[in-house]
């Protein structure tokens, strides 16, 4: 894996994180839940977004 493919993966993760954070703030969750999900995604970008999409999204 060279520098460009690693950068591309990082860019994809960044875009997915931004989309997830926008989705979180548009949701009907209370403010504390929105902030906690956002902090989780910002601290652990890949793991946080996976956890959010499996457990945090409304059905």
C-alpha atoms as a PDB file:
ATOM      1  CA  UNK A   1       0.000   0.000   0.000  1.00  0.00           C
ATOM      2  CA  UNK A   2       1.574   3.271  -1.045  1.00  0.00           C
ATOM      3  CA  UNK A   3       0.982   6.816   0.183  1.00  0.00           C
ATOM      4  CA  UNK A   4      -1.836   7.572  -2.261  1.00  0.00           C
ATOM      5  CA  UNK A   5      -3.991   4.578  -1.363  1.00  0.00           C
ATOM      6  CA  UNK A   6      -3.617   5.345   2.343  1.00  0.00           C
ATOM      7  CA  UNK A   7      -4.593   8.947   1.688  1.00  0.00           C
ATOM      8  CA  UNK A   8      -7.612   7.812  -0.307  1.00  0.00           C
ATOM      9  CA  UNK A   9      -8.784   5.544   2.511  1.00  0.00           C
ATOM     10  CA  UNK A  10      -8.326   8.386   4.998  1.00  0.00           C
ATOM     11  CA  UNK A  11     -10.321  10.726   2.773  1.00  0.00           C
ATOM     12  CA  UNK A  12     -13.170   8.207   2.473  1.00  0.00           C
ATOM     13  CA  UNK A  13     -13.262   7.772   6.259  1.00  0.00           C
ATOM     14  CA  UNK A  14     -13.285  11.557   6.716  1.00  0.00           C
ATOM     15  CA  UNK A  15     -16.207  11.952   4.293  1.00  0.00           C
ATOM     16  CA  UNK A  16     -18.156   9.169   6.010  1.00  0.00           C
ATOM     17  CA  UNK A  17     -17.501  10.766   9.399  1.00  0.00           C
ATOM     18  CA  UNK A  18     -18.790  14.137   8.175  1.00  0.00           C
ATOM     19  CA  UNK A  19     -21.904  12.518   6.690  1.00  0.00           C
ATOM     20  CA  UNK A  20     -22.547  10.650   9.955  1.00  0.00           C
ATOM     21  CA  UNK A  21     -22.131  13.816  12.052  1.00  0.00           C
ATOM     22  CA  UNK A  22     -24.549  15.714   9.803  1.00  0.00           C
ATOM     23  CA  UNK A  23     -27.012  12.816  10.117  1.00  0.00           C
ATOM     24  CA  UNK A  24     -26.619  12.848  13.907  1.00  0.00           C
ATOM     25  CA  UNK A  25     -27.406  16.550  14.206  1.00  0.00           C
ATOM     26  CA  UNK A  26     -30.426  16.235  11.897  1.00  0.00           C
ATOM     27  CA  UNK A  27     -31.817  13.370  13.983  1.00  0.00           C
ATOM     28  CA  UNK A  28     -34.407  13.696  16.723  1.00  0.00           C
ATOM     29  CA  UNK A  29     -32.026  12.578  19.472  1.00  0.00           C
ATOM     30  CA  UNK A  30     -31.571  14.801  22.502  1.00  0.00           C
ATOM     31  CA  UNK A  31     -28.581  17.149  22.634  1.00  0.00           C
ATOM     32  CA  UNK A  32     -26.504  14.989  24.997  1.00  0.00           C
ATOM     33  CA  UNK A  33     -26.881  11.928  22.757  1.00  0.00           C
ATOM     34  CA  UNK A  34     -25.907  13.995  19.708  1.00  0.00           C
ATOM     35  CA  UNK A  35     -22.804  15.294  21.460  1.00  0.00           C
ATOM     36  CA  UNK A  36     -21.773  11.862  22.749  1.00  0.00           C
ATOM     37  CA  UNK A  37     -22.102  10.261  19.309  1.00  0.00           C
ATOM     38  CA  UNK A  38     -20.154  13.123  17.748  1.00  0.00           C
ATOM     39  CA  UNK A  39     -17.347  12.840  20.301  1.00  0.00           C
ATOM     40  CA  UNK A  40     -17.181   9.067  19.755  1.00  0.00           C
ATOM     41  CA  UNK A  41     -16.854   9.546  15.998  1.00  0.00           C
ATOM     42  CA  UNK A  42     -14.256  12.304  16.353  1.00  0.00           C
ATOM     43  CA  UNK A  43     -12.110  10.350  18.837  1.00  0.00           C
ATOM     44  CA  UNK A  44     -12.355   6.994  17.050  1.00  0.00           C
ATOM     45  CA  UNK A  45     -13.165   7.778  13.391  1.00  0.00           C
ATOM     46  CA  UNK A  46     -13.416   4.282  11.910  1.00  0.00           C
ATOM     47  CA  UNK A  47     -14.628   2.381  14.967  1.00  0.00           C
ATOM     48  CA  UNK A  48     -16.969   5.201  16.005  1.00  0.00           C
ATOM     49  CA  UNK A  49     -18.735   5.339  12.661  1.00  0.00           C
ATOM     50  CA  UNK A  50     -19.155   1.557  12.576  1.00  0.00           C
ATOM     51  CA  UNK A  51     -20.630   1.550  16.094  1.00  0.00           C
ATOM     52  CA  UNK A  52     -22.935   4.439  15.191  1.00  0.00           C
ATOM     53  CA  UNK A  53     -24.262   2.787  12.035  1.00  0.00           C
ATOM     54  CA  UNK A  54     -24.974  -0.481  13.857  1.00  0.00           C
ATOM     55  CA  UNK A  55     -26.291   0.834  17.180  1.00  0.00           C
ATOM     56  CA  UNK A  56     -26.971   4.567  16.999  1.00  0.00           C
ATOM     57  CA  UNK A  57     -29.135   5.021  13.943  1.00  0.00           C
ATOM     58  CA  UNK A  58     -32.891   5.060  14.229  1.00  0.00           C
ATOM     59  CA  UNK A  59     -34.551   2.084  12.639  1.00  0.00           C
END
